[in-house]
Amino acid sequence: MVLTDAQRRANEKWHRNNRERANYIAMRSSARSFIRKKSTLDDLDGLEEIIRKRREELKE
């Protein structure tokens, strides 16, 4: 898909002004992709423990 110059500039401006949100979206995408495509059973077991602990932290 080809972007116009105006669309490209708008995207760059959004990324500059929303750097934290853009990083969050990129990290979330990477994590989901890893889980779906590359993770092993051992990886999933470890991730489940990390998720359980994180849920407890967020509930407090």
Protein backbone atom coordinates (compact mmCIF):
# COMPACT_ATOMS: atom_id res chain seq x y z
CA MET A 1 0.00 0.00 0.00
CA VAL A 2 1.45 3.32 -1.06
CA LEU A 3 1.06 6.26 1.29
CA THR A 4 0.76 9.81 0.12
CA ASP A 5 3.29 12.32 1.47
CA ALA A 6 0.57 13.83 3.65
CA GLN A 7 -0.31 10.43 5.13
CA ARG A 8 3.34 9.64 5.79
CA ARG A 9 3.88 12.99 7.52
CA ALA A 10 0.73 12.51 9.60
CA ASN A 11 1.93 9.05 10.69
CA GLU A 12 5.35 10.41 11.64
CA LYS A 13 3.76 13.25 13.60
CA TRP A 14 1.48 10.83 15.46
CA HIS A 15 4.46 8.62 16.36
CA ARG A 16 6.43 11.62 17.62
CA ASN A 17 3.51 12.85 19.72
CA ASN A 18 2.48 9.40 20.97
CA ARG A 19 5.83 7.67 21.37
CA GLU A 20 4.82 5.80 24.55
CA ARG A 21 1.58 4.49 23.00
CA ALA A 22 3.39 3.48 19.79
CA ASN A 23 6.00 1.55 21.82
CA TYR A 24 3.24 -0.15 23.83
CA ILE A 25 1.46 -1.25 20.63
CA ALA A 26 4.70 -2.56 19.10
CA MET A 27 5.66 -4.54 22.22
CA ARG A 28 2.16 -6.00 22.54
CA SER A 29 2.25 -7.05 18.90
CA SER A 30 5.66 -8.70 19.36
CA ALA A 31 4.49 -10.60 22.43
CA ARG A 32 1.35 -11.88 20.71
CA SER A 33 3.29 -12.88 17.61
CA PHE A 34 5.85 -14.78 19.68
CA ILE A 35 3.14 -16.64 21.57
CA ARG A 36 1.27 -17.58 18.40
CA LYS A 37 4.19 -18.50 16.16
CA LYS A 38 7.36 -19.37 18.07
CA SER A 39 6.62 -20.35 21.66
CA THR A 40 7.25 -23.83 23.03
CA LEU A 41 5.35 -25.56 25.82
CA ASP A 42 8.12 -24.55 28.24
CA ASP A 43 7.82 -20.93 27.07
CA LEU A 44 4.06 -21.00 27.61
CA ASP A 45 4.44 -22.50 31.09
CA GLY A 46 6.85 -19.74 32.06
CA LEU A 47 4.64 -17.06 30.55
CA GLU A 48 1.61 -18.35 32.43
CA GLU A 49 3.49 -17.90 35.71
CA ILE A 50 4.57 -14.38 34.75
CA ILE A 51 0.98 -13.54 33.78
CA ARG A 52 -0.37 -14.94 37.05
CA LYS A 53 2.04 -12.79 39.07
CA ARG A 54 1.29 -9.70 37.00
CA ARG A 55 -2.46 -10.19 37.49
CA GLU A 56 -1.93 -10.27 41.24
CA GLU A 57 0.12 -7.06 41.10
CA LEU A 58 -2.59 -5.28 39.13
CA LYS A 59 -5.33 -6.40 41.51
CA GLU A 60 -3.57 -4.72 44.46
